[in-house]
Amino acid sequence: MSPHPYNESPLGGQMETEHNEDLQRLYKLISGADDVKAFLDGMTRYAAAALSRATGARVECAVTLWRRKRAVTIAGSSDDAILLDGIEQAIGDGPAQAALETLSPELLSDAGTDQRWPKYCKDLSLAGVRSVLGVPLSLGADSAAALNFFATEAGLFTDEAIKEAVLFANIAADALRIALRIATADTLAEDLKAAMGRRTAIDLACGMIMAQSHCTQDEAFAFLQKASQNRNEKLHAVAEGIITGTNRGSATTTFFQD
């Protein structure tokens, strides 16, 4: 696929400086954010500031992130931006959705005259918004995201403004990919820690049963499995109950007694 023409504009000196500053802010945001949602909130604030700077008018921004086997994450530069993005999510069609399908910017220049999304345009007009720009973020096979820029003025997003939005989106996508990799690694680490904790509880419970009942480790583990099935509880929950003495069959009893 050939590059979209909006990706081909050279950077002037001041613009290049501004984009370098945007990049630095986003990378600092990665280390400072507690989670992906916090990163997205910060990213949309920077995106709104960049487009407000480019257009000379107030622009709000929201982002919707889809990840495999995860709930959709929506963030915005303000509560209004999140509500406006929710209009498109509820309808299921609009500039951001179209941008994800075409992998290129999608412009709604005037909600009062655009014929592509009549319900969406009507709801936008009621909210006082006249123009919207959807820009996709390139994240790879397992994730997808799009920025939605909102303005109260029709025709605000000129070709130059769209180029600015695409350049920011390219920078933001690089930073977001890193943030997602870190979040995935953290989740795997937490899952591993939890699994190790469950394994430790099971091993400790088996040891207690072996000491009380003078049985082998295999026999102790079989007892845990049987108790788990009979009580319809997770194996580690039965083990933790034995350790804390809260099971009906207390750890102070002999486990193989009738």
Protein backbone atom coordinates (compact mmCIF):
# COMPACT_ATOMS: atom_id res chain seq x y z
CA MET A 1 0.00 0.00 0.00
CA SER A 2 1.46 3.36 -0.99
CA PRO A 3 1.83 6.05 1.68
CA HIS A 4 -1.11 8.37 2.13
CA PRO A 5 -0.32 11.87 0.74
CA TYR A 6 -0.83 13.39 4.18
CA ASN A 7 2.20 11.44 5.35
CA GLU A 8 4.52 12.99 2.78
CA SER A 9 4.81 16.62 3.92
CA PRO A 10 8.30 17.75 4.98
CA LEU A 11 8.70 19.39 8.38
CA GLY A 12 9.73 23.01 8.73
CA GLY A 13 12.14 24.03 11.49
CA GLN A 14 9.55 25.21 14.01
CA MET A 15 7.16 22.36 13.19
CA GLU A 16 9.95 19.82 13.58
CA THR A 17 10.80 21.30 16.98
CA GLU A 18 7.16 21.10 18.04
CA HIS A 19 6.91 17.47 16.95
CA ASN A 20 10.10 16.60 18.81
CA GLU A 21 8.58 18.17 21.91
CA ASP A 22 5.38 16.16 21.35
CA LEU A 23 7.48 13.01 21.10
CA GLN A 24 9.34 13.80 24.31
CA ARG A 25 6.09 14.48 26.16
CA LEU A 26 4.56 11.21 25.01
CA TYR A 27 7.59 9.16 25.99
CA LYS A 28 7.67 10.81 29.40
CA LEU A 29 3.99 9.99 29.69
CA ILE A 30 4.74 6.27 29.21
CA SER A 31 6.85 6.16 32.36
CA GLY A 32 4.53 8.41 34.34
CA ALA A 33 1.18 6.78 33.55
CA ASP A 34 -0.20 4.12 35.90
CA ASP A 35 -1.93 2.20 33.11
CA VAL A 36 -2.94 2.38 29.44
CA LYS A 37 -6.06 4.45 30.20
CA ALA A 38 -3.95 7.09 31.96
CA PHE A 39 -1.55 7.16 29.00
CA LEU A 40 -4.45 7.60 26.56
CA ASP A 41 -5.90 10.45 28.64
CA GLY A 42 -2.58 12.27 28.48
CA MET A 43 -2.09 11.47 24.80
CA THR A 44 -5.46 12.96 23.83
CA ARG A 45 -4.70 16.14 25.77
CA TYR A 46 -1.48 16.55 23.80
CA ALA A 47 -3.31 15.73 20.55
CA ALA A 48 -5.97 18.36 21.26
CA ALA A 49 -3.28 20.92 22.04
CA ALA A 50 -1.42 20.11 18.79
CA LEU A 51 -4.53 20.54 16.62
CA SER A 52 -5.65 23.63 18.52
CA ARG A 53 -2.20 25.06 17.80
CA ALA A 54 -2.45 24.12 14.12
CA THR A 55 -5.95 25.51 13.58
CA GLY A 56 -5.92 28.50 15.92
CA ALA A 57 -9.19 27.31 17.48
CA ARG A 58 -10.22 25.03 20.32
CA VAL A 59 -10.14 21.37 19.33
CA GLU A 60 -11.08 18.43 21.53
CA CYS A 61 -9.79 14.91 21.00
CA ALA A 62 -10.85 11.41 21.97
CA VAL A 63 -9.37 7.99 21.25
CA THR A 64 -10.91 4.55 21.12
CA LEU A 65 -8.63 1.54 21.59
CA TRP A 66 -9.60 -2.02 20.69
CA ARG A 67 -7.42 -4.87 21.97
CA ARG A 68 -7.89 -8.59 21.46
CA LYS A 69 -9.74 -10.20 24.39
CA ARG A 70 -9.96 -6.85 26.19
CA ALA A 71 -12.75 -4.35 26.77
CA VAL A 72 -12.77 -1.27 24.55
CA THR A 73 -10.88 1.64 26.13
CA ILE A 74 -12.09 5.20 25.51
CA ALA A 75 -10.18 8.28 26.65
CA GLY A 76 -10.36 11.96 25.88
CA SER A 77 -8.94 15.42 26.38
CA SER A 78 -12.11 16.29 28.32
CA ASP A 79 -15.37 14.76 29.47
CA ASP A 80 -17.06 16.42 26.48
CA ALA A 81 -14.65 14.70 24.09
CA ILE A 82 -15.44 11.29 25.60
CA LEU A 83 -19.18 11.94 25.32
CA LEU A 84 -18.79 13.03 21.70
CA ASP A 85 -16.79 9.92 20.89
CA GLY A 86 -19.51 7.87 22.55
CA ILE A 87 -21.99 9.11 19.94
CA GLU A 88 -20.05 7.34 17.20
CA GLN A 89 -19.53 4.23 19.32
CA ALA A 90 -23.27 4.00 19.99
CA ILE A 91 -24.19 4.41 16.32
CA GLY A 92 -21.33 2.21 15.09
CA ASP A 93 -20.39 4.45 12.19
CA GLY A 94 -18.56 7.72 11.64
CA PRO A 95 -15.15 9.22 10.82
CA ALA A 96 -13.10 7.16 13.28
CA GLN A 97 -14.69 3.89 12.17
CA ALA A 98 -14.17 4.85 8.53
CA ALA A 99 -10.54 5.81 9.23
CA LEU A 100 -9.88 2.36 10.68
CA GLU A 101 -11.36 0.74 7.57
CA THR A 102 -9.51 2.91 5.04
CA LEU A 103 -6.34 3.36 7.14
CA SER A 104 -6.39 7.04 6.20
CA PRO A 105 -7.84 10.26 7.66
CA GLU A 106 -11.60 10.70 7.32
CA LEU A 107 -12.98 14.24 7.39
CA LEU A 108 -16.48 15.35 8.26
CA SER A 109 -16.14 18.99 7.24
CA ASP A 110 -19.66 20.16 8.09
CA ALA A 111 -22.18 18.17 10.09
CA GLY A 112 -24.89 20.42 8.67
CA THR A 113 -24.36 19.31 5.08
CA ASP A 114 -22.58 15.93 5.16
CA GLN A 115 -24.77 13.09 3.84
CA ARG A 116 -22.67 10.04 4.77
CA TRP A 117 -23.72 9.68 8.41
CA PRO A 118 -27.10 11.42 8.87
CA LYS A 119 -27.86 10.16 12.41
CA TYR A 120 -24.33 10.88 13.56
CA CYS A 121 -24.37 14.38 12.05
CA LYS A 122 -27.71 15.15 13.66
CA ASP A 123 -26.46 14.13 17.11
CA LEU A 124 -23.24 16.10 16.62
CA SER A 125 -25.17 19.21 15.64
CA LEU A 126 -27.32 18.89 18.75
CA ALA A 127 -24.09 18.76 20.78
CA GLY A 128 -22.80 21.92 19.08
CA VAL A 129 -20.10 20.23 16.98
CA ARG A 130 -19.77 21.03 13.28
CA SER A 131 -16.62 19.24 12.12
CA VAL A 132 -14.83 16.00 12.98
CA LEU A 133 -11.57 14.44 11.82
CA GLY A 134 -10.88 10.73 12.32
CA VAL A 135 -7.26 9.55 12.13
CA PRO A 136 -6.15 5.90 12.50
CA LEU A 137 -3.24 4.78 14.66
CA SER A 138 -1.10 1.96 13.30
CA LEU A 139 -0.64 -0.53 16.16
CA GLY A 140 -0.22 -3.97 14.58
CA ALA A 141 -2.37 -7.07 14.36
CA ASP A 142 -3.63 -7.35 17.95
CA SER A 143 -4.79 -3.76 18.51
CA ALA A 144 -6.53 -0.93 16.69
CA ALA A 145 -7.16 2.68 17.62
CA ALA A 146 -8.32 5.94 16.09
CA LEU A 147 -8.19 9.56 17.14
CA ASN A 148 -11.31 11.68 16.79
CA PHE A 149 -10.84 15.47 16.67
CA PHE A 150 -13.89 17.68 17.28
CA ALA A 151 -14.46 21.37 16.52
CA THR A 152 -17.46 23.69 16.81
CA GLU A 153 -16.53 25.45 13.56
CA ALA A 154 -17.29 23.95 10.13
CA GLY A 155 -14.39 23.57 7.71
CA LEU A 156 -11.78 24.02 10.42
CA PHE A 157 -9.71 20.97 9.46
CA THR A 158 -7.83 22.16 6.37
CA ASP A 159 -5.28 20.06 4.49
CA GLU A 160 -2.53 21.53 6.65
CA ALA A 161 -4.43 20.68 9.83
CA ILE A 162 -4.98 17.14 8.59
CA LYS A 163 -1.25 16.77 7.88
CA GLU A 164 -0.54 17.93 11.41
CA ALA A 165 -3.03 15.40 12.80
CA VAL A 166 -1.46 12.56 10.81
CA LEU A 167 2.06 13.49 11.92
CA PHE A 168 0.95 13.57 15.54
CA ALA A 169 -0.87 10.23 15.08
CA ASN A 170 2.32 8.63 13.75
CA ILE A 171 4.26 9.82 16.80
CA ALA A 172 1.46 8.78 19.16
CA ALA A 173 1.18 5.32 17.60
CA ASP A 174 4.88 4.64 18.26
CA ALA A 175 4.49 5.65 21.90
CA LEU A 176 1.23 3.72 22.32
CA ARG A 177 2.76 0.52 20.94
CA ILE A 178 5.44 0.76 23.63
CA ALA A 179 2.85 1.48 26.33
CA LEU A 180 0.83 -1.56 25.23
CA ARG A 181 3.89 -3.82 25.28
CA ILE A 182 4.71 -2.66 28.80
CA ALA A 183 1.11 -3.20 29.92
CA THR A 184 1.12 -6.70 28.42
CA ALA A 185 4.40 -7.54 30.16
CA ASP A 186 3.02 -6.24 33.47
CA THR A 187 -0.12 -8.34 33.07
CA LEU A 188 1.93 -11.46 32.32
CA ALA A 189 4.10 -10.79 35.36
CA GLU A 190 1.03 -10.37 37.58
CA ASP A 191 -0.50 -13.56 36.18
CA LEU A 192 2.76 -15.44 36.80
CA LYS A 193 2.98 -14.09 40.35
CA ALA A 194 -0.62 -15.12 41.04
CA ALA A 195 0.00 -18.57 39.56
CA MET A 196 3.10 -19.00 41.71
CA GLY A 197 1.11 -17.96 44.76
CA ARG A 198 -1.56 -20.55 44.01
CA ARG A 199 1.07 -23.20 43.42
CA THR A 200 2.74 -22.36 46.73
CA ALA A 201 -0.58 -22.67 48.58
CA ILE A 202 -1.25 -26.07 47.01
CA ASP A 203 2.23 -27.34 47.84
CA LEU A 204 1.96 -26.11 51.43
CA ALA A 205 -1.48 -27.68 51.87
CA CYS A 206 -0.17 -30.98 50.50
CA GLY A 207 2.65 -30.83 53.02
CA MET A 208 0.21 -30.27 55.89
CA ILE A 209 -1.94 -33.20 54.75
CA MET A 210 1.12 -35.45 54.43
CA ALA A 211 2.24 -34.54 57.95
CA GLN A 212 -1.20 -35.13 59.48
CA SER A 213 -2.16 -38.26 57.56
CA HIS A 214 1.25 -39.85 56.98
CA CYS A 215 0.53 -40.18 53.26
CA THR A 216 2.48 -39.58 50.09
CA GLN A 217 2.45 -36.33 48.14
CA ASP A 218 0.40 -37.94 45.36
CA GLU A 219 -2.21 -39.08 47.90
CA ALA A 220 -2.33 -35.61 49.46
CA PHE A 221 -2.82 -33.97 46.06
CA ALA A 222 -5.54 -36.49 45.18
CA PHE A 223 -7.34 -35.51 48.40
CA LEU A 224 -7.21 -31.84 47.37
CA GLN A 225 -8.59 -32.67 43.94
CA LYS A 226 -11.45 -34.71 45.41
CA ALA A 227 -12.30 -31.96 47.90
CA SER A 228 -12.23 -29.40 45.09
CA GLN A 229 -14.68 -31.46 43.03
CA ASN A 230 -16.99 -32.27 45.95
CA ARG A 231 -17.20 -28.67 47.14
CA ASN A 232 -17.17 -27.11 43.66
CA GLU A 233 -14.27 -24.87 44.66
CA LYS A 234 -11.02 -24.02 42.93
CA LEU A 235 -8.12 -26.24 43.94
CA HIS A 236 -6.11 -23.31 45.31
CA ALA A 237 -9.15 -22.12 47.32
CA VAL A 238 -9.39 -25.50 49.06
CA ALA A 239 -5.63 -25.38 49.72
CA GLU A 240 -5.83 -21.87 51.19
CA GLY A 241 -8.74 -22.98 53.38
CA ILE A 242 -6.69 -25.84 54.77
CA ILE A 243 -3.77 -23.52 55.48
CA THR A 244 -5.93 -21.01 57.35
CA GLY A 245 -7.95 -23.71 59.09
CA THR A 246 -11.25 -22.44 57.66
CA ASN A 247 -12.18 -25.62 55.79
CA ARG A 248 -14.75 -27.88 57.31
CA GLY A 249 -12.05 -30.55 57.26
CA SER A 250 -9.58 -28.56 59.37
CA ALA A 251 -5.86 -28.98 58.86
CA THR A 252 -5.67 -30.16 62.48
CA THR A 253 -7.58 -33.34 61.62
CA THR A 254 -6.44 -36.48 59.86
CA PHE A 255 -7.51 -36.02 56.24
CA PHE A 256 -8.00 -39.65 55.34
CA GLN A 257 -10.23 -40.46 58.30
CA ASP A 258 -13.75 -41.57 57.49
